Amino acid sequence: MTPVTGFLRERFAERPDRAAVVAPPGRCTFGELAELQDRWGRELDRRGVGEGAVVALAGDFTPATTALLLALLDRAAIVVPQSNVSRVSHGRGDEISQVELRVDVDRRDAVTISATGRCAQHDLYDELRRRGSPGVVAFTSGTSGEPKAAVHDFARLLEKVHARRAALSTFAFLLYDHLGGVRTLFHALSNGVTLVASDDRSPDTVCALIEEHRVELLPATPTFFNLLLLSGAHRRHDLGSLRAITYGTEPMPQSTLDRLRAAFPGVRLQQTYGLIELGPLGSRSRDDGSLWMKVGGDGFETRVVDGVLQVRSRAMAMGYLNAEAPITEDGWFVTGDAVQQDGEYVRVLGRRSELINVGGEKVFPAEVEDVIQAMDEVAEVRVHGERNAIVGNIVCATVLPAAPDADPADLARAVKDFCRPRLERFKVPVRVRVTAEPLHGERFKKTR
């Protein structure tokens, strides 16, 4: 059987001396990556790792991790990517996915391989083994309970990167265990461009690496771009190589997008859309300053039912290991994302599960956050609902001040005063808490 990464190896051979991955352990060319893949393939064969083996691969976008991932896919293993930046849930993740073998790659690219003694059995794994396809297990964030483990046929995900496309050297911002991060890696490998990675994703470090390696594409989160603009790191470094910025994984405040557009006037801005269960969908923003976008195409169908986006694709997840998948009888995945429609375009309002019902009126946190984020006095904001005996729920906001010495009472009052002329009365926060703690996690997304 032809290895699933055979098409990649052909492309590696076309440019063996070009840098494939630049990461803290060092620079690795496409030729060196091919040699590493072969070396680790022999080691996996020696250990008897074959079709259907469930392997946790913990690391980041380093040469060894990348080579091991390619070698595992060629052996039709089922890979559970785990990021070194986010180690908290590895143990529970191993249990849910029934990991049989752990492969840990540290910051120096040193590799440790250990058996767990488990024997993985699940109908979804059996189906992958029947197909002879490699698999990948990706976890949801678990904000509303235990993370769900989505199983994908990796061969079908790879179909999306077979076609050659114009590509830009890219900074790997999304974590290695994120399906969007994996897609970023394979898009770069398929098109022969350099992927630059770092385990430090602070604005100054990211900007310094963009300057040093002349990175052309920066895919990141709205939270990161807000912090970047607040830090002024983009003014301390030469980012003239950047040609495109993409943003996704959470709603982008219009105020942040406006500031980002002003800070990078010659750079194309594009919103992306994807879920762990779907991977990244094709998307196109109406224009650089718009949050409206077209989603779908290239093997993805979309529709909106009762205000919620649904998607159908050959490449979507086969199902969950530990939950029922929200798939309709006719095969559509119910995303849970509430959207507005304008012809072919949609605008994501937020997760349906985050909706705040105030006396029968609907409030999406992102709308209120968008208004508050426009305040110069606010660095970060998170909005949520709290139970109330009279109206059912009230809108509450937590803010991180831009100035550490800000007076909490004055700032809370200023937030309410700022919101009143800009929001309907029931959307104005009743309670405003001021915190000294960041409101985002290691993935640079708001913590909910």
Protein backbone atom coordinates (compact mmCIF):
# COMPACT_ATOMS: atom_id res chain seq x y z
CA MET A 1 0.00 0.00 0.00
CA THR A 2 1.29 3.46 -0.89
CA PRO A 3 2.19 5.48 2.24
CA VAL A 4 -0.28 8.30 2.86
CA THR A 5 2.59 10.80 3.03
CA GLY A 6 4.08 9.64 -0.28
CA PHE A 7 2.99 12.82 -2.05
CA LEU A 8 4.75 14.86 0.62
CA ARG A 9 8.00 12.95 0.19
CA GLU A 10 7.95 13.71 -3.52
CA ARG A 11 7.66 17.40 -2.70
CA PHE A 12 10.39 17.22 -0.05
CA ALA A 13 12.71 15.86 -2.76
CA GLU A 14 12.04 18.91 -4.96
CA ARG A 15 13.56 21.31 -2.40
CA PRO A 16 15.79 19.27 -0.05
CA ASP A 17 17.87 22.26 1.08
CA ARG A 18 15.00 24.61 1.97
CA ALA A 19 14.09 25.00 5.65
CA ALA A 20 10.98 22.98 6.48
CA VAL A 21 10.74 23.64 10.22
CA VAL A 22 12.47 26.30 12.32
CA ALA A 23 11.90 25.67 16.03
CA PRO A 24 13.80 26.00 19.33
CA PRO A 25 15.78 22.74 18.77
CA GLY A 26 17.06 24.17 15.47
CA ARG A 27 16.51 24.40 11.73
CA CYS A 28 15.52 21.33 9.71
CA THR A 29 15.48 21.19 5.91
CA PHE A 30 13.03 19.15 3.87
CA GLY A 31 15.81 16.70 3.06
CA GLU A 32 16.72 16.30 6.72
CA LEU A 33 13.04 15.88 7.63
CA ALA A 34 12.76 13.00 5.14
CA GLU A 35 15.80 11.33 6.74
CA LEU A 36 14.31 11.80 10.22
CA GLN A 37 11.01 10.32 9.07
CA ASP A 38 12.81 7.22 7.77
CA ARG A 39 14.86 6.91 10.96
CA TRP A 40 11.86 7.07 13.25
CA GLY A 41 9.92 4.80 10.93
CA ARG A 42 12.54 2.10 11.43
CA GLU A 43 12.33 2.56 15.21
CA LEU A 44 8.53 2.25 15.15
CA ASP A 45 8.83 -0.91 13.05
CA ARG A 46 11.33 -2.33 15.53
CA ARG A 47 8.82 -1.74 18.31
CA GLY A 48 6.00 -3.34 16.33
CA VAL A 49 3.93 -0.16 15.98
CA GLY A 50 1.54 -0.83 13.15
CA GLU A 51 -1.92 -0.36 11.73
CA GLY A 52 -4.49 0.76 14.27
CA ALA A 53 -2.07 1.30 17.16
CA VAL A 54 -3.24 4.19 19.36
CA VAL A 55 -0.24 6.44 20.01
CA ALA A 56 -0.07 9.67 22.03
CA LEU A 57 2.50 11.97 20.43
CA ALA A 58 3.35 14.80 22.82
CA GLY A 59 5.49 17.69 21.62
CA ASP A 60 5.35 20.85 19.59
CA PHE A 61 6.18 21.81 16.00
CA THR A 62 9.75 20.49 16.16
CA PRO A 63 11.67 18.35 13.64
CA ALA A 64 11.41 15.14 15.68
CA THR A 65 7.70 15.56 16.43
CA THR A 66 6.96 16.29 12.77
CA ALA A 67 9.00 13.31 11.55
CA LEU A 68 7.35 10.98 14.08
CA LEU A 69 3.89 12.17 13.06
CA LEU A 70 4.64 11.43 9.40
CA ALA A 71 6.08 8.01 10.24
CA LEU A 72 3.06 7.10 12.39
CA LEU A 73 0.63 8.12 9.65
CA ASP A 74 2.45 5.96 7.11
CA ARG A 75 1.94 3.00 9.43
CA ALA A 76 -1.79 3.74 9.70
CA ALA A 77 -1.51 4.40 13.42
CA ILE A 78 -4.17 6.38 15.30
CA VAL A 79 -2.40 9.47 16.66
CA VAL A 80 -3.43 11.46 19.72
CA PRO A 81 -1.51 14.78 19.41
CA GLN A 82 -0.67 16.42 22.73
CA SER A 83 1.00 19.79 23.18
CA ASN A 84 3.85 20.36 25.62
CA VAL A 85 2.33 23.78 26.30
CA SER A 86 -0.87 22.17 27.60
CA ARG A 87 0.06 19.15 29.72
CA VAL A 88 -2.69 19.38 32.35
CA SER A 89 -5.14 16.96 30.73
CA HIS A 90 -2.71 14.44 29.22
CA GLY A 91 -3.51 11.73 31.76
CA ARG A 92 -7.28 11.96 31.31
CA GLY A 93 -6.81 12.25 27.55
CA ASP A 94 -4.81 9.03 27.56
CA GLU A 95 -7.63 7.28 29.42
CA ILE A 96 -10.40 8.50 27.13
CA SER A 97 -8.49 7.64 23.95
CA GLN A 98 -7.12 4.37 25.41
CA VAL A 99 -3.54 5.26 24.48
CA GLU A 100 -1.40 2.15 23.99
CA LEU A 101 1.95 3.86 23.41
CA ARG A 102 3.28 7.25 24.54
CA VAL A 103 5.88 9.14 22.52
CA ASP A 104 7.12 12.24 24.35
CA VAL A 105 9.34 14.80 22.62
CA ASP A 106 10.93 17.42 24.87
CA ARG A 107 12.17 20.95 24.09
CA ARG A 108 15.57 19.58 22.99
CA ASP A 109 13.84 17.16 20.60
CA ALA A 110 14.84 14.18 22.76
CA VAL A 111 12.34 11.33 22.39
CA THR A 112 11.03 8.94 25.05
CA ILE A 113 8.81 6.00 24.06
CA SER A 114 6.84 3.99 26.62
CA ALA A 115 4.05 1.40 26.49
CA THR A 116 0.97 1.89 28.68
CA GLY A 117 -0.26 -1.70 28.82
CA ARG A 118 -3.66 -0.74 27.41
CA CYS A 119 -5.41 -2.47 24.52
CA ALA A 120 -7.60 0.06 22.70
CA GLN A 121 -11.05 -1.14 21.65
CA HIS A 122 -13.75 1.07 20.16
CA ASP A 123 -16.09 0.84 17.18
CA LEU A 124 -14.53 3.95 15.61
CA TYR A 125 -11.05 2.47 15.94
CA ASP A 126 -12.32 -0.77 14.40
CA GLU A 127 -13.67 1.19 11.43
CA LEU A 128 -10.31 2.91 10.87
CA ARG A 129 -8.55 -0.45 11.04
CA ARG A 130 -11.05 -1.89 8.55
CA ARG A 131 -10.31 0.99 6.16
CA GLY A 132 -6.56 0.68 6.74
CA SER A 133 -6.53 4.43 7.36
CA PRO A 134 -4.47 6.43 9.85
CA GLY A 135 -6.52 8.32 12.42
CA VAL A 136 -6.25 11.32 14.67
CA VAL A 137 -8.02 11.95 17.97
CA ALA A 138 -8.66 15.63 18.73
CA PHE A 139 -10.21 16.92 21.95
CA THR A 140 -12.75 19.71 22.38
CA SER A 141 -11.99 22.40 24.95
CA GLY A 142 -14.32 20.93 27.56
CA THR A 143 -15.67 24.30 28.71
CA SER A 144 -19.13 22.78 29.27
CA GLY A 145 -17.96 19.50 30.81
CA GLU A 146 -15.50 16.73 30.07
CA PRO A 147 -13.60 17.22 26.78
CA LYS A 148 -15.02 15.15 23.94
CA ALA A 149 -12.63 13.04 21.85
CA ALA A 150 -13.38 13.40 18.13
CA VAL A 151 -11.98 10.71 15.83
CA HIS A 152 -10.96 11.62 12.27
CA ASP A 153 -9.83 9.56 9.31
CA PHE A 154 -6.50 11.31 8.70
CA ALA A 155 -6.33 10.15 5.08
CA ARG A 156 -9.46 12.20 4.38
CA LEU A 157 -8.02 15.24 6.14
CA LEU A 158 -4.90 14.96 3.99
CA GLU A 159 -7.01 15.07 0.83
CA LYS A 160 -7.42 18.80 1.52
CA VAL A 161 -3.69 19.48 1.14
CA HIS A 162 -2.92 17.31 -1.91
CA ALA A 163 -3.48 20.13 -4.39
CA ARG A 164 -0.60 22.57 -4.72
CA ARG A 165 -1.49 26.09 -3.71
CA ALA A 166 0.34 29.36 -3.45
CA ALA A 167 1.58 29.41 0.13
CA LEU A 168 3.38 31.74 2.49
CA SER A 169 6.01 31.04 5.12
CA THR A 170 4.00 30.68 8.30
CA PHE A 171 4.25 31.12 12.05
CA ALA A 172 2.79 28.10 13.87
CA PHE A 173 0.70 29.88 16.49
CA LEU A 174 -2.11 27.37 17.07
CA LEU A 175 -0.93 24.55 19.30
CA TYR A 176 0.23 21.20 17.96
CA ASP A 177 -2.77 19.38 19.47
CA HIS A 178 -5.22 21.71 17.70
CA LEU A 179 -6.62 20.47 14.38
CA GLY A 180 -6.07 23.94 12.93
CA GLY A 181 -2.43 23.75 14.00
CA VAL A 182 -2.04 20.34 12.34
CA ARG A 183 -3.63 21.73 9.18
CA THR A 184 -1.16 24.64 9.24
CA LEU A 185 1.73 22.16 9.44
CA PHE A 186 0.56 20.03 6.52
CA HIS A 187 -0.31 23.03 4.36
CA ALA A 188 3.28 24.25 4.81
CA LEU A 189 4.81 20.81 4.17
CA SER A 190 2.66 20.23 1.09
CA ASN A 191 3.59 23.53 -0.51
CA GLY A 192 7.26 23.61 0.41
CA VAL A 193 7.24 26.68 2.65
CA THR A 194 8.91 27.17 6.01
CA LEU A 195 7.03 26.76 9.28
CA VAL A 196 8.45 28.82 12.16
CA ALA A 197 7.52 27.69 15.68
CA SER A 198 8.21 28.65 19.27
CA ASP A 199 7.06 27.45 22.68
CA ASP A 200 6.89 31.12 23.71
CA ARG A 201 3.91 32.77 22.03
CA SER A 202 4.16 36.16 23.71
CA PRO A 203 3.71 39.16 21.37
CA ASP A 204 7.36 40.27 21.53
CA THR A 205 8.72 36.77 20.85
CA VAL A 206 6.33 36.18 17.96
CA CYS A 207 7.19 39.55 16.41
CA ALA A 208 10.93 38.95 16.85
CA LEU A 209 10.67 35.60 15.05
CA ILE A 210 8.60 37.12 12.25
CA GLU A 211 11.32 39.74 11.79
CA GLU A 212 14.20 37.24 11.99
CA HIS A 213 12.75 34.66 9.59
CA ARG A 214 10.75 37.01 7.34
CA VAL A 215 7.50 35.19 8.07
CA GLU A 216 4.68 36.05 5.65
CA LEU A 217 1.56 34.59 7.32
CA LEU A 218 0.46 34.90 10.95
CA PRO A 219 -2.60 32.82 11.92
CA ALA A 220 -3.65 33.54 15.52
CA THR A 221 -6.55 34.30 17.82
CA PRO A 222 -8.41 37.59 18.36
CA THR A 223 -7.20 37.55 21.98
CA PHE A 224 -3.58 37.38 20.82
CA PHE A 225 -4.03 40.22 18.35
CA ASN A 226 -5.63 42.36 21.06
CA LEU A 227 -2.65 41.71 23.35
CA LEU A 228 -0.24 42.39 20.49
CA LEU A 229 -1.80 45.79 19.82
CA LEU A 230 -1.85 46.66 23.53
CA SER A 231 1.81 45.67 23.95
CA GLY A 232 3.04 47.72 20.99
CA ALA A 233 5.34 44.83 19.99
CA HIS A 234 4.44 45.35 16.32
CA ARG A 235 6.05 48.81 16.51
CA ARG A 236 9.28 47.49 18.06
CA HIS A 237 9.97 44.99 15.27
CA ASP A 238 10.15 45.06 11.48
CA LEU A 239 7.08 43.12 10.35
CA GLY A 240 7.33 44.24 6.74
CA SER A 241 7.48 40.63 5.52
CA LEU A 242 3.89 39.94 6.64
CA ARG A 243 1.49 39.58 3.74
CA ALA A 244 -1.50 38.00 5.48
CA ILE A 245 -3.07 37.67 8.92
CA THR A 246 -5.79 35.14 9.65
CA TYR A 247 -7.87 35.02 12.81
CA GLY A 248 -10.32 32.52 14.27
CA THR A 249 -11.14 29.99 17.04
CA GLU A 250 -13.23 32.64 18.89
CA PRO A 251 -15.27 35.74 17.95
CA MET A 252 -13.26 38.78 16.85
CA PRO A 253 -14.43 42.10 18.37
CA GLN A 254 -15.05 44.65 15.63
CA SER A 255 -13.05 47.20 17.65
CA THR A 256 -10.02 44.89 17.68
CA LEU A 257 -10.36 44.19 13.96
CA ASP A 258 -10.52 47.93 13.24
CA ARG A 259 -7.32 48.55 15.25
CA LEU A 260 -5.60 45.58 13.60
CA ARG A 261 -6.48 46.88 10.16
CA ALA A 262 -5.10 50.31 11.03
CA ALA A 263 -1.87 48.81 12.41
CA PHE A 264 -1.26 46.61 9.33
CA PRO A 265 -2.61 48.62 6.37
CA GLY A 266 -0.80 46.60 3.69
CA VAL A 267 -1.62 43.17 5.09
CA ARG A 268 -4.59 41.05 3.99
CA LEU A 269 -6.89 40.13 6.90
CA GLN A 270 -9.03 37.01 6.71
CA GLN A 271 -11.37 35.35 9.17
CA THR A 272 -11.17 31.56 9.39
CA TYR A 273 -13.75 29.10 10.64
CA GLY A 274 -13.39 25.58 11.92
CA LEU A 275 -14.19 23.18 14.72
CA ILE A 276 -12.38 20.20 16.20
CA GLU A 277 -15.06 18.00 14.62
CA LEU A 278 -14.67 19.55 11.17
CA GLY A 279 -11.17 20.91 10.82
CA PRO A 280 -10.75 24.28 9.06
CA LEU A 281 -13.40 25.10 6.45
CA GLY A 282 -12.74 27.26 3.44
CA SER A 283 -13.66 30.85 4.26
CA ARG A 284 -13.52 34.28 2.68
CA SER A 285 -14.15 37.57 4.46
CA ARG A 286 -16.45 40.08 2.76
CA ASP A 287 -13.58 42.55 3.10
CA ASP A 288 -10.62 43.18 5.41
CA GLY A 289 -12.70 45.15 7.89
CA SER A 290 -15.75 42.88 7.94
CA LEU A 291 -16.72 40.06 10.29
CA TRP A 292 -19.06 38.66 7.62
CA MET A 293 -17.63 35.70 5.73
CA LYS A 294 -18.47 32.95 3.28
CA VAL A 295 -17.81 29.47 4.65
CA GLY A 296 -17.82 26.10 2.94
CA GLY A 297 -16.92 24.93 -0.53
CA ASP A 298 -14.06 22.56 -1.33
CA GLY A 299 -15.96 19.53 -0.03
CA PHE A 300 -17.94 21.32 2.70
CA GLU A 301 -21.68 22.04 2.52
CA THR A 302 -23.28 24.52 4.90
CA ARG A 303 -26.80 25.46 5.91
CA VAL A 304 -28.43 27.45 8.71
CA VAL A 305 -31.28 25.87 10.68
CA ASP A 306 -33.01 27.81 13.47
CA GLY A 307 -30.15 30.30 13.46
CA VAL A 308 -27.45 27.65 13.97
CA LEU A 309 -24.80 26.74 11.41
CA GLN A 310 -24.74 23.13 10.21
CA VAL A 311 -21.98 21.56 8.11
CA ARG A 312 -21.69 18.35 6.09
CA SER A 313 -18.43 16.98 4.72
CA ARG A 314 -16.65 13.76 3.88
CA ALA A 315 -13.77 15.04 6.04
CA MET A 316 -15.75 15.65 9.24
CA ALA A 317 -15.16 13.54 12.34
CA MET A 318 -16.41 9.98 12.36
CA GLY A 319 -17.78 10.52 15.87
CA TYR A 320 -16.77 10.87 19.51
CA LEU A 321 -15.14 8.21 21.67
CA ASN A 322 -17.01 9.36 24.77
CA ALA A 323 -20.22 11.08 23.63
CA GLU A 324 -22.96 11.08 21.02
CA ALA A 325 -22.15 13.33 18.07
CA PRO A 326 -24.72 16.07 17.21
CA ILE A 327 -25.33 14.79 13.68
CA THR A 328 -28.77 15.01 12.05
CA GLU A 329 -30.47 12.05 10.38
CA ASP A 330 -29.42 13.40 6.98
CA GLY A 331 -25.76 13.67 7.98
CA TRP A 332 -25.30 17.33 8.98
CA PHE A 333 -23.10 18.27 11.94
CA VAL A 334 -24.82 20.79 14.22
CA THR A 335 -22.00 23.19 15.14
CA GLY A 336 -23.71 24.97 18.04
CA ASP A 337 -22.60 28.32 16.57
CA ALA A 338 -25.39 30.88 16.26
CA VAL A 339 -25.07 32.97 13.10
CA GLN A 340 -26.70 35.81 11.20
CA GLN A 341 -27.17 35.45 7.45
CA ASP A 342 -26.83 38.02 4.69
CA GLY A 343 -27.12 36.23 1.37
CA GLU A 344 -24.07 33.98 1.00
CA TYR A 345 -22.38 35.51 4.03
CA VAL A 346 -22.68 34.63 7.71
CA ARG A 347 -21.55 36.34 10.89
CA VAL A 348 -20.89 34.21 13.95
CA LEU A 349 -22.68 35.59 17.02
CA GLY A 350 -21.30 33.06 19.49
CA ARG A 351 -21.92 29.63 20.93
CA ARG A 352 -25.62 28.88 21.45
CA SER A 353 -24.68 27.40 24.83
CA GLU A 354 -23.29 30.80 25.96
CA LEU A 355 -26.52 32.68 25.23
CA ILE A 356 -27.78 34.76 28.18
CA ASN A 357 -31.58 34.91 28.49
CA VAL A 358 -32.54 38.16 30.21
CA GLY A 359 -36.30 38.20 30.77
CA GLY A 360 -36.86 36.52 27.40
CA GLU A 361 -34.34 38.71 25.56
CA LYS A 362 -31.27 37.05 24.04
CA VAL A 363 -27.79 38.38 24.73
CA PHE A 364 -24.62 36.93 23.23
CA PRO A 365 -21.52 37.69 25.34
CA ALA A 366 -19.47 38.57 22.24
CA GLU A 367 -21.73 41.55 21.44
CA VAL A 368 -21.22 43.09 24.89
CA GLU A 369 -17.51 42.23 24.89
CA ASP A 370 -17.13 43.98 21.54
CA VAL A 371 -18.42 47.23 23.04
CA ILE A 372 -16.37 47.07 26.24
CA GLN A 373 -13.19 46.05 24.39
CA ALA A 374 -13.33 49.39 22.56
CA MET A 375 -12.54 51.20 25.84
CA ASP A 376 -8.96 52.41 26.15
CA GLU A 377 -9.09 51.62 29.87
CA VAL A 378 -9.79 47.90 29.28
CA ALA A 379 -7.16 45.32 28.31
CA GLU A 380 -9.39 42.23 28.38
CA VAL A 381 -13.05 41.54 29.05
CA ARG A 382 -15.21 38.46 29.59
CA VAL A 383 -19.01 38.54 29.75
CA HIS A 384 -21.25 35.86 31.23
CA GLY A 385 -24.71 35.42 32.70
CA GLU A 386 -25.67 34.95 36.34
CA ARG A 387 -28.97 33.72 37.74
CA ASN A 388 -31.45 36.35 38.90
CA ALA A 389 -34.79 35.79 40.66
CA ILE A 390 -36.61 38.53 38.74
CA VAL A 391 -35.46 38.29 35.10
CA GLY A 392 -33.93 34.82 35.11
CA ASN A 393 -30.41 35.98 34.27
CA ILE A 394 -28.41 39.18 34.30
CA VAL A 395 -25.40 40.22 32.23
CA CYS A 396 -22.11 40.39 34.15
CA ALA A 397 -18.65 41.49 32.99
CA THR A 398 -15.15 40.86 34.27
CA VAL A 399 -12.48 43.27 33.07
CA LEU A 400 -8.70 43.41 33.25
CA PRO A 401 -7.64 47.08 33.35
CA ALA A 402 -5.12 48.41 30.85
CA ALA A 403 -3.49 50.33 33.72
CA PRO A 404 -2.53 48.16 36.73
CA ASP A 405 -3.22 51.00 39.16
CA ALA A 406 -6.77 51.67 37.92
CA ASP A 407 -9.34 52.20 40.66
CA PRO A 408 -11.76 49.21 40.49
CA ALA A 409 -14.87 51.16 41.48
CA ASP A 410 -14.15 53.95 38.98
CA LEU A 411 -13.48 51.45 36.18
CA ALA A 412 -16.64 49.44 36.91
CA ARG A 413 -18.69 52.64 36.80
CA ALA A 414 -16.96 53.75 33.57
CA VAL A 415 -17.76 50.41 31.89
CA LYS A 416 -21.48 50.76 32.64
CA ASP A 417 -21.50 54.41 31.53
CA PHE A 418 -19.74 53.46 28.28
CA CYS A 419 -22.23 50.66 27.55
CA ARG A 420 -25.49 52.53 28.20
CA PRO A 421 -25.61 54.63 24.99
CA ARG A 422 -24.22 51.77 22.90
CA LEU A 423 -26.31 48.78 24.02
CA GLU A 424 -29.95 48.06 24.68
CA ARG A 425 -30.77 48.34 28.37
CA PHE A 426 -31.02 44.59 29.03
CA LYS A 427 -27.53 44.06 27.52
CA VAL A 428 -25.75 46.53 29.80
CA PRO A 429 -23.79 44.66 32.50
CA VAL A 430 -25.48 44.80 35.89
CA ARG A 431 -22.30 43.71 37.65
CA VAL A 432 -18.75 44.59 36.63
CA ARG A 433 -15.85 42.91 38.37
CA VAL A 434 -12.28 44.16 38.02
CA THR A 435 -9.52 41.55 38.11
CA ALA A 436 -5.72 41.56 38.05
CA GLU A 437 -5.61 38.12 36.40
CA PRO A 438 -5.47 37.53 32.62
CA LEU A 439 -8.77 36.41 31.10
CA HIS A 440 -7.19 34.05 28.58
CA GLY A 441 -5.50 30.66 28.77
CA GLU A 442 -2.40 29.12 27.21
CA ARG A 443 -4.17 28.97 23.83
CA PHE A 444 -4.70 32.75 23.86
CA LYS A 445 -8.48 32.32 23.90
CA LYS A 446 -10.90 33.77 26.44
CA THR A 447 -11.45 31.43 29.37
CA ARG A 448 -15.19 30.84 29.74
